[in-house]
Amino acid sequence: MRKLNLLITLSLLLSITACEDEVATCKDTFQSDYKSLMQSFSDVYNPKTTVEEFNQFKNKITAFQEKYPEKCALNDEIYEHNKELDKFLAMVNQKTVITPKVIYGKDDRLDIADSTDARHQQWAKSVAVQVSSAKIGAGGELNSTTIADNMYLCEDEPFADQINPGRCSGFLVGENILVTAGHCVESQSDCSNYKWVFGFKKGVSKLSDDQIYSCKSIISQQLSSSTKADFAVLELDRAVVDAAPLTYRASGSVSVGDPITVMGHPSGLPMKVAPGANIRTNSNDWYFVANLDTFGGNSGSPVFNSDTGIVEGILVRGETDYTWKTDSSGNSCRVSFQCADDSCRGEDVTRITKVTGLPKQETPKEVLASFFPNSTLPLDAKGISFKVQVKNGPTKYLAGTKFLEACALHTAENSDPRNWLDSIVANCERDQVQLLQIVETFKD
């Protein structure tokens, strides 16, 4: 009798499981409505689509979801359409916050958490600070002494209450390849005695193992008083967790007036970003000069083109960082040295195009693989009226998005984003060759 009851119970459980796994057949109208929605997406994916037209398309998506709320099966294929449509709507509905420009002469530095530019949060994952091994405790603890005490800063100096264990900055150009200034790592001894720490931001006082990396070897390094060459390319002991290599200029040159942004660890402080700067002079073969708000610990910092997001160079030299100030009682402390927009010597940035030992740039297949599912590319309505994933190059950008089974890509000059050079809306799986052709146009 017990065996019979057990068999009945198992039979019921199997029946319930079968019911749960059963997928309803799609309604007769599903396929035609699905194709119509795909066609509507293809129609709106063009530079002339207005915001109003795109909002009408979003209404079509909502109506489709309401009509077909559940996944269904058709011709032995299961359609989980709402999950994909929800992802698309979440992406295009992300709010954009425009960061205001700041006049040089004021301190443009921001804690990375205070920046409203979403790209800064992504770039920050790939920027590291150089810290002496002796300054990191056995459990990852950092010394609690503030920069005010370490460097005799005045109490009202920005970030005076933060710790500053860092020495230089650096950034990823490969999964375990880091670029910094040549004077930051001059020998194998420098390579061995310092760690590279990622994710050192305001409030961090203890590091995890995933944040700390060792310098395994020096791939290339130059530090010349004659040419002013100043760079080092290092191999780290392993691939960096949750960080993507930054895109850098491979050819061509910057122009005077180009807007730039620097990110790193000024005076060894937690991560800071300083936008609002411009290139002042561009005559030297090895470096250009800019009005960046940078300090000693910024040596090795990536300098980004603020428009395209690519790395243009490495911060290596600059004006005096601090000056002494004496109050009425005769007490002295240090404050940031400030200059007008067009005064002082400016900050020198080694051109990334002069750096040797950099890893090979991405292939078209690798570029295409950086788009669509699980992409970490920034979102922007670039050359189109709604948010898409964007990869910037020195002169062109590549942008795209996924909608159900369709992948869309377009490319254009940075200076004329709505005049598309090439574009496609194609099946993500079947039309890889055609999608790669758009990538080739971007890379040419």
Protein backbone atom coordinates (compact mmCIF):
# COMPACT_ATOMS: atom_id res chain seq x y z
CA MET A 1 0.00 0.00 0.00
CA ARG A 2 2.88 2.37 0.86
CA LYS A 3 4.49 1.63 -2.50
CA LEU A 4 1.22 2.43 -4.27
CA ASN A 5 0.90 5.76 -2.42
CA LEU A 6 4.48 6.63 -3.27
CA LEU A 7 3.88 5.90 -6.96
CA ILE A 8 0.74 8.05 -6.94
CA THR A 9 2.63 10.93 -5.26
CA LEU A 10 5.49 10.74 -7.78
CA SER A 11 3.02 10.62 -10.63
CA LEU A 12 1.28 13.77 -9.36
CA LEU A 13 4.60 15.60 -8.93
CA LEU A 14 5.64 14.72 -12.49
CA SER A 15 2.29 15.90 -13.81
CA ILE A 16 2.61 19.25 -11.97
CA THR A 17 6.17 19.72 -13.27
CA ALA A 18 5.05 18.92 -16.81
CA CYS A 19 2.28 21.51 -16.51
CA GLU A 20 4.71 24.13 -15.23
CA ASP A 21 7.12 23.46 -18.13
CA GLU A 22 4.37 23.50 -20.74
CA VAL A 23 4.44 26.62 -22.92
CA ALA A 24 1.26 27.88 -24.55
CA THR A 25 1.02 28.00 -28.32
CA CYS A 26 1.29 31.54 -29.71
CA LYS A 27 -1.95 33.12 -30.91
CA ASP A 28 -2.64 33.12 -34.65
CA THR A 29 -1.94 36.85 -34.83
CA PHE A 30 1.36 36.67 -32.93
CA GLN A 31 3.68 36.08 -35.88
CA SER A 32 2.28 38.90 -38.03
CA ASP A 33 2.31 41.34 -35.07
CA TYR A 34 5.86 40.26 -34.16
CA LYS A 35 7.07 40.88 -37.73
CA SER A 36 5.26 44.23 -37.77
CA LEU A 37 7.02 45.28 -34.55
CA MET A 38 10.40 44.23 -36.00
CA GLN A 39 9.70 46.28 -39.12
CA SER A 40 8.74 49.28 -36.99
CA PHE A 41 12.09 49.06 -35.20
CA SER A 42 13.90 48.94 -38.55
CA ASP A 43 11.97 52.04 -39.62
CA VAL A 44 12.83 54.11 -36.53
CA TYR A 45 16.51 53.12 -36.58
CA ASN A 46 17.63 56.06 -38.69
CA PRO A 47 19.06 59.53 -38.01
CA LYS A 48 15.89 61.34 -39.11
CA THR A 49 13.59 59.72 -36.53
CA THR A 50 12.19 62.33 -34.15
CA VAL A 51 11.69 61.87 -30.42
CA GLU A 52 7.92 61.94 -31.02
CA GLU A 53 8.16 59.16 -33.61
CA PHE A 54 10.29 57.07 -31.27
CA ASN A 55 7.75 57.56 -28.46
CA GLN A 56 5.07 56.26 -30.82
CA PHE A 57 7.22 53.20 -31.41
CA LYS A 58 7.52 52.67 -27.64
CA ASN A 59 3.71 52.78 -27.43
CA LYS A 60 3.60 49.98 -30.02
CA ILE A 61 5.92 47.92 -27.82
CA THR A 62 3.68 48.45 -24.79
CA ALA A 63 0.57 47.48 -26.80
CA PHE A 64 2.34 44.32 -28.03
CA GLN A 65 3.31 43.36 -24.47
CA GLU A 66 -0.24 43.86 -23.25
CA LYS A 67 -1.64 41.73 -26.09
CA TYR A 68 0.93 38.95 -25.64
CA PRO A 69 1.89 38.99 -21.94
CA GLU A 70 3.33 35.46 -21.72
CA LYS A 71 6.02 33.55 -23.54
CA CYS A 72 4.67 31.22 -26.21
CA ALA A 73 5.74 28.55 -28.70
CA LEU A 74 5.50 28.70 -32.49
CA ASN A 75 6.98 26.20 -34.97
CA ASP A 76 9.03 24.54 -32.21
CA GLU A 77 10.53 27.91 -31.20
CA ILE A 78 9.84 29.54 -27.82
CA TYR A 79 9.42 33.33 -27.82
CA GLU A 80 10.30 35.07 -24.52
CA HIS A 81 9.62 38.45 -26.09
CA ASN A 82 8.67 40.46 -23.01
CA LYS A 83 11.98 39.84 -21.27
CA GLU A 84 13.85 41.21 -24.30
CA LEU A 85 11.44 44.12 -24.74
CA ASP A 86 11.77 45.08 -21.07
CA LYS A 87 15.57 45.21 -21.45
CA PHE A 88 15.28 47.43 -24.52
CA LEU A 89 12.87 49.85 -22.83
CA ALA A 90 15.02 50.01 -19.69
CA MET A 91 18.04 50.95 -21.81
CA VAL A 92 16.39 53.66 -23.92
CA ASN A 93 14.61 55.16 -20.91
CA GLN A 94 17.78 55.80 -18.90
CA LYS A 95 18.04 59.47 -17.98
CA THR A 96 20.89 61.57 -19.31
CA VAL A 97 22.47 64.17 -17.05
CA ILE A 98 24.60 66.82 -18.74
CA THR A 99 27.70 67.83 -16.80
CA PRO A 100 28.26 71.60 -16.84
CA LYS A 101 31.61 72.99 -17.95
CA VAL A 102 33.86 74.53 -15.32
CA ILE A 103 36.22 77.48 -15.90
CA TYR A 104 39.90 76.70 -15.49
CA GLY A 105 41.29 78.53 -12.49
CA LYS A 106 38.88 76.85 -10.11
CA ASP A 107 39.41 73.35 -8.78
CA ASP A 108 37.55 71.04 -11.19
CA ARG A 109 38.40 67.87 -9.27
CA LEU A 110 35.46 65.71 -8.22
CA ASP A 111 35.23 62.52 -6.22
CA ILE A 112 34.23 59.96 -8.81
CA ALA A 113 30.92 59.28 -7.02
CA ASP A 114 29.99 62.96 -7.43
CA SER A 115 30.38 63.00 -11.21
CA THR A 116 27.10 63.03 -13.16
CA ASP A 117 28.72 61.77 -16.38
CA ALA A 118 27.93 58.04 -16.59
CA ARG A 119 31.07 57.45 -18.66
CA HIS A 120 33.25 58.49 -15.74
CA GLN A 121 31.94 55.65 -13.58
CA GLN A 122 32.85 53.17 -16.32
CA TRP A 123 36.31 54.62 -17.02
CA ALA A 124 37.12 54.67 -13.30
CA LYS A 125 37.02 50.86 -13.16
CA SER A 126 40.11 50.80 -15.39
CA VAL A 127 42.21 53.38 -13.50
CA ALA A 128 44.57 52.38 -10.69
CA VAL A 129 46.74 53.97 -8.03
CA GLN A 130 50.34 52.92 -7.31
CA VAL A 131 50.84 52.17 -3.60
CA SER A 132 53.97 51.02 -1.79
CA SER A 133 53.63 47.42 -0.60
CA ALA A 134 54.71 48.66 2.84
CA LYS A 135 51.59 50.87 3.07
CA ILE A 136 49.13 47.98 2.67
CA GLY A 137 48.44 45.94 5.80
CA ALA A 138 48.26 42.14 5.89
CA GLY A 139 44.46 42.36 5.76
CA GLY A 140 44.41 45.07 3.09
CA GLU A 141 44.24 47.96 5.58
CA LEU A 142 45.44 51.41 4.50
CA ASN A 143 47.02 53.98 6.78
CA SER A 144 44.41 56.36 8.24
CA THR A 145 46.61 59.49 8.16
CA THR A 146 44.98 62.25 6.13
CA ILE A 147 46.59 64.32 3.38
CA ALA A 148 46.27 67.40 5.63
CA ASP A 149 48.63 65.76 8.13
CA ASN A 150 50.90 64.16 5.53
CA MET A 151 51.40 67.28 3.43
CA TYR A 152 50.64 70.12 5.92
CA LEU A 153 47.55 71.25 3.99
CA CYS A 154 45.24 73.93 5.32
CA GLU A 155 42.04 72.61 6.89
CA ASP A 156 39.82 74.26 4.28
CA GLU A 157 41.77 72.78 1.36
CA PRO A 158 39.59 70.45 -0.78
CA PHE A 159 39.79 66.79 0.30
CA ALA A 160 42.00 67.68 3.31
CA ASP A 161 40.24 65.02 5.43
CA GLN A 162 40.92 62.15 2.99
CA ILE A 163 43.79 59.65 3.13
CA ASN A 164 46.49 59.69 0.42
CA PRO A 165 48.54 56.47 0.30
CA GLY A 166 49.13 56.67 -3.47
CA ARG A 167 52.23 57.63 -5.43
CA CYS A 168 51.19 57.58 -9.12
CA SER A 169 48.26 56.63 -11.33
CA GLY A 170 47.90 54.18 -14.22
CA PHE A 171 45.28 52.71 -16.54
CA LEU A 172 44.43 49.48 -18.34
CA VAL A 173 44.99 49.00 -22.08
CA GLY A 174 44.74 45.19 -21.90
CA GLU A 175 43.20 42.77 -19.41
CA ASN A 176 46.52 42.73 -17.50
CA ILE A 177 48.47 45.49 -19.29
CA LEU A 178 48.79 48.85 -17.54
CA VAL A 179 50.20 52.18 -18.75
CA THR A 180 51.72 54.79 -16.45
CA ALA A 181 54.37 57.52 -16.51
CA GLY A 182 57.97 56.43 -17.08
CA HIS A 183 59.18 58.21 -13.95
CA CYS A 184 56.74 56.16 -11.84
CA VAL A 185 58.42 52.85 -12.75
CA GLU A 186 62.06 53.32 -13.70
CA SER A 187 63.39 49.90 -12.73
CA GLN A 188 62.46 46.33 -11.85
CA SER A 189 62.80 47.39 -8.22
CA ASP A 190 59.97 49.91 -8.70
CA CYS A 191 57.99 47.17 -10.41
CA SER A 192 58.47 44.79 -7.47
CA ASN A 193 58.06 47.17 -4.53
CA TYR A 194 54.76 48.77 -5.48
CA LYS A 195 51.23 47.42 -5.93
CA TRP A 196 48.55 48.66 -8.31
CA VAL A 197 45.20 49.18 -6.62
CA PHE A 198 41.88 49.48 -8.46
CA GLY A 199 38.69 50.94 -7.00
CA PHE A 200 40.39 53.23 -4.48
CA LYS A 201 37.61 55.78 -3.98
CA LYS A 202 36.44 58.09 -1.23
CA GLY A 203 35.60 56.10 1.90
CA VAL A 204 37.78 53.08 1.05
CA SER A 205 40.16 52.27 3.90
CA LYS A 206 40.53 48.50 3.42
CA LEU A 207 41.29 46.68 0.19
CA SER A 208 40.13 43.27 -1.01
CA ASP A 209 42.43 40.84 -2.83
CA ASP A 210 40.59 41.57 -6.10
CA GLN A 211 41.69 45.23 -5.85
CA ILE A 212 45.43 44.61 -5.41
CA TYR A 213 47.73 43.65 -8.31
CA SER A 214 51.48 43.23 -8.62
CA CYS A 215 53.74 44.41 -11.43
CA LYS A 216 55.05 41.24 -13.08
CA SER A 217 57.35 42.85 -15.64
CA ILE A 218 58.14 46.06 -17.53
CA ILE A 219 57.13 45.64 -21.18
CA SER A 220 58.52 49.00 -22.30
CA GLN A 221 59.70 52.19 -20.62
CA GLN A 222 61.21 55.54 -21.62
CA LEU A 223 62.26 58.56 -19.57
CA SER A 224 64.33 61.06 -21.53
CA SER A 225 65.44 64.58 -20.57
CA SER A 226 66.14 65.40 -24.24
CA THR A 227 62.95 64.23 -26.00
CA LYS A 228 60.82 64.46 -22.82
CA ALA A 229 59.60 60.90 -23.48
CA ASP A 230 57.91 59.66 -20.31
CA PHE A 231 55.92 56.41 -20.26
CA ALA A 232 55.93 52.82 -19.02
CA VAL A 233 53.88 49.80 -20.07
CA LEU A 234 53.61 47.09 -17.41
CA GLU A 235 52.41 43.52 -17.26
CA LEU A 236 50.36 42.83 -14.12
CA ASP A 237 50.37 39.46 -12.37
CA ARG A 238 46.81 38.61 -13.57
CA ALA A 239 43.78 39.94 -15.41
CA VAL A 240 42.00 42.74 -13.55
CA VAL A 241 38.54 41.84 -12.24
CA ASP A 242 35.51 43.84 -13.49
CA ALA A 243 37.53 46.28 -15.60
CA ALA A 244 37.73 46.69 -19.38
CA PRO A 245 40.76 48.06 -21.26
CA LEU A 246 40.36 51.71 -22.23
CA THR A 247 40.20 52.68 -25.90
CA TYR A 248 43.13 54.83 -26.99
CA ARG A 249 44.15 56.78 -30.08
CA ALA A 250 46.18 54.61 -32.44
CA SER A 251 46.99 57.24 -35.08
CA GLY A 252 46.53 60.90 -35.93
CA SER A 253 46.78 63.79 -33.51
CA VAL A 254 44.84 66.04 -31.18
CA SER A 255 44.07 69.68 -31.96
CA VAL A 256 44.45 72.86 -29.95
CA GLY A 257 41.22 73.57 -28.11
CA ASP A 258 40.07 69.94 -27.93
CA PRO A 259 38.14 69.36 -24.67
CA ILE A 260 39.82 66.87 -22.34
CA THR A 261 39.25 65.16 -18.99
CA VAL A 262 41.77 63.63 -16.59
CA MET A 263 41.13 60.85 -14.09
CA GLY A 264 43.44 59.54 -11.41
CA HIS A 265 44.79 60.03 -7.91
CA PRO A 266 46.09 63.59 -7.35
CA SER A 267 48.58 63.68 -4.47
CA GLY A 268 47.74 60.01 -3.85
CA LEU A 269 44.11 60.75 -2.92
CA PRO A 270 41.11 58.53 -3.67
CA MET A 271 39.97 58.60 -7.32
CA LYS A 272 39.20 62.04 -8.75
CA VAL A 273 37.98 63.17 -12.16
CA ALA A 274 38.64 66.67 -13.51
CA PRO A 275 36.71 67.66 -16.64
CA GLY A 276 36.48 71.10 -18.22
CA ALA A 277 40.04 71.37 -19.58
CA ASN A 278 41.38 72.04 -23.09
CA ILE A 279 44.55 71.51 -25.07
CA ARG A 280 46.61 74.72 -25.09
CA THR A 281 49.58 73.89 -27.31
CA ASN A 282 50.22 71.01 -29.70
CA SER A 283 53.64 71.71 -31.22
CA ASN A 284 55.91 69.16 -29.52
CA ASP A 285 56.31 65.76 -31.16
CA TRP A 286 56.19 63.86 -27.86
CA TYR A 287 53.61 65.70 -25.79
CA PHE A 288 50.88 68.33 -25.79
CA VAL A 289 50.14 70.92 -23.10
CA ALA A 290 46.78 71.48 -21.39
CA ASN A 291 45.16 73.40 -18.55
CA LEU A 292 44.30 70.29 -16.53
CA ASP A 293 43.76 70.43 -12.74
CA THR A 294 46.37 67.83 -11.79
CA PHE A 295 48.84 67.11 -8.99
CA GLY A 296 51.84 64.89 -8.38
CA GLY A 297 49.91 61.65 -7.90
CA ASN A 298 48.22 62.20 -11.26
CA SER A 299 51.42 61.16 -13.02
CA GLY A 300 50.37 58.24 -15.20
CA SER A 301 46.71 59.31 -15.34
CA PRO A 302 44.78 58.78 -18.57
CA VAL A 303 43.78 62.00 -20.35
CA PHE A 304 40.54 61.46 -22.28
CA ASN A 305 39.05 63.35 -25.18
CA SER A 306 35.86 64.58 -23.50
CA ASP A 307 33.85 64.24 -26.72
CA THR A 308 34.94 60.83 -27.98
CA GLY A 309 35.98 59.18 -24.70
CA ILE A 310 39.24 57.80 -26.10
CA VAL A 311 42.55 58.16 -24.27
CA GLU A 312 44.75 60.82 -25.91
CA GLY A 313 47.71 60.62 -23.57
CA ILE A 314 49.38 60.19 -20.19
CA LEU A 315 49.72 63.01 -17.64
CA VAL A 316 53.44 63.29 -16.86
CA ARG A 317 54.52 66.81 -15.77
CA GLY A 318 53.08 70.12 -14.68
CA GLU A 319 53.10 73.28 -12.65
CA THR A 320 53.90 73.52 -8.92
CA ASP A 321 51.18 71.74 -6.93
CA TYR A 322 51.03 73.67 -3.64
CA THR A 323 52.15 76.95 -2.15
CA TRP A 324 52.47 78.10 1.46
CA LYS A 325 49.94 80.37 3.13
CA THR A 326 50.48 82.18 6.48
CA ASP A 327 47.61 83.43 8.63
CA SER A 328 47.55 86.52 10.89
CA SER A 329 48.90 84.48 13.81
CA GLY A 330 51.95 83.40 11.84
CA ASN A 331 50.79 79.80 11.34
CA SER A 332 51.61 78.33 7.93
CA CYS A 333 49.93 75.65 5.86
CA ARG A 334 49.80 74.68 2.19
CA VAL A 335 47.09 75.45 -0.39
CA SER A 336 46.67 74.47 -4.05
CA PHE A 337 48.61 76.66 -6.44
CA GLN A 338 46.13 78.29 -8.86
CA CYS A 339 46.67 79.79 -12.30
CA ALA A 340 44.51 81.67 -14.77
CA ASP A 341 43.33 79.84 -17.87
CA ASP A 342 46.18 80.97 -20.12
CA SER A 343 48.94 81.47 -17.56
CA CYS A 344 51.61 79.25 -15.92
CA ARG A 345 53.42 76.51 -17.81
CA GLY A 346 50.47 74.13 -18.23
CA GLU A 347 50.40 70.35 -17.77
CA ASP A 348 52.36 68.06 -20.13
CA VAL A 349 50.67 64.97 -21.57
CA THR A 350 52.69 62.25 -23.34
CA ARG A 351 50.96 61.36 -26.60
CA ILE A 352 49.60 57.80 -26.42
CA THR A 353 50.59 57.38 -30.09
CA LYS A 354 54.27 57.61 -29.06
CA VAL A 355 54.02 54.77 -26.54
CA THR A 356 55.61 51.46 -27.56
CA GLY A 357 54.67 48.04 -26.24
CA LEU A 358 50.91 48.60 -26.32
CA PRO A 359 48.74 45.56 -27.08
CA LYS A 360 47.26 45.11 -30.52
CA GLN A 361 44.01 47.02 -31.07
CA GLU A 362 40.73 45.11 -31.22
CA THR A 363 39.81 43.14 -34.34
CA PRO A 364 36.42 43.79 -36.00
CA LYS A 365 35.07 40.59 -34.41
CA GLU A 366 36.23 41.75 -30.98
CA VAL A 367 34.63 45.17 -31.52
CA LEU A 368 31.34 43.55 -32.54
CA ALA A 369 31.49 41.24 -29.51
CA SER A 370 31.63 44.30 -27.23
CA PHE A 371 28.10 45.25 -28.31
CA PHE A 372 24.67 43.92 -27.42
CA PRO A 373 24.20 41.28 -24.63
CA ASN A 374 26.07 42.08 -21.40
CA SER A 375 27.81 45.07 -22.99
CA THR A 376 29.64 47.55 -20.75
CA LEU A 377 29.69 50.26 -23.43
CA PRO A 378 28.25 53.66 -22.43
CA LEU A 379 24.75 54.63 -23.56
CA ASP A 380 24.11 57.80 -25.53
CA ALA A 381 21.63 59.13 -28.11
CA LYS A 382 24.48 59.64 -30.56
CA GLY A 383 23.37 60.31 -34.11
CA ILE A 384 19.88 59.05 -33.26
CA SER A 385 16.93 60.11 -31.11
CA PHE A 386 17.19 57.33 -28.50
CA LYS A 387 19.83 55.66 -26.32
CA VAL A 388 22.18 53.16 -27.98
CA GLN A 389 25.51 51.58 -27.04
CA VAL A 390 28.42 53.70 -28.27
CA LYS A 391 32.08 52.97 -28.99
CA ASN A 392 34.12 56.06 -29.79
CA GLY A 393 37.17 56.25 -32.02
CA PRO A 394 39.57 59.12 -32.80
CA THR A 395 37.50 60.39 -35.75
CA LYS A 396 34.43 58.14 -35.93
CA TYR A 397 32.03 56.43 -33.57
CA LEU A 398 30.18 53.10 -33.80
CA ALA A 399 26.78 52.76 -32.17
CA GLY A 400 24.09 50.12 -31.99
CA THR A 401 21.46 48.25 -30.07
CA LYS A 402 19.65 44.91 -29.98
CA PHE A 403 15.88 44.62 -30.45
CA LEU A 404 14.45 41.09 -30.11
CA GLU A 405 16.40 39.09 -32.72
CA ALA A 406 17.61 42.16 -34.64
CA CYS A 407 20.97 43.87 -34.18
CA ALA A 408 21.32 47.45 -35.41
CA LEU A 409 24.58 49.33 -36.02
CA HIS A 410 25.54 52.70 -37.47
CA THR A 411 28.78 54.64 -37.81
CA ALA A 412 29.55 58.30 -38.54
CA GLU A 413 32.17 60.99 -38.10
CA ASN A 414 32.36 62.43 -34.57
CA SER A 415 32.05 65.90 -36.08
CA ASP A 416 28.84 65.04 -37.97
CA PRO A 417 27.07 62.32 -35.95
CA ARG A 418 23.76 62.35 -37.86
CA ASN A 419 25.33 61.97 -41.28
CA TRP A 420 25.73 58.20 -41.14
CA LEU A 421 28.49 56.67 -43.22
CA ASP A 422 26.95 53.20 -43.02
CA SER A 423 24.24 51.38 -41.08
CA ILE A 424 22.32 48.12 -40.87
CA VAL A 425 19.43 46.41 -39.08
CA ALA A 426 20.00 42.67 -39.42
CA ASN A 427 19.51 39.31 -37.73
CA CYS A 428 22.03 39.00 -34.89
CA GLU A 429 22.87 35.36 -35.61
CA ARG A 430 22.50 34.94 -39.39
CA ASP A 431 23.93 38.26 -40.59
CA GLN A 432 27.30 38.44 -38.85
CA VAL A 433 29.14 39.18 -42.10
CA GLN A 434 26.98 42.23 -42.83
CA LEU A 435 27.31 43.50 -39.26
CA LEU A 436 31.10 43.15 -39.46
CA GLN A 437 31.11 45.30 -42.61
CA ILE A 438 29.76 48.21 -40.57
CA VAL A 439 32.53 47.66 -38.02
CA GLU A 440 35.10 47.72 -40.84
CA THR A 441 33.77 51.10 -41.99
CA PHE A 442 34.17 52.37 -38.42
CA LYS A 443 37.76 51.10 -38.19
CA ASP A 444 38.88 52.35 -41.64
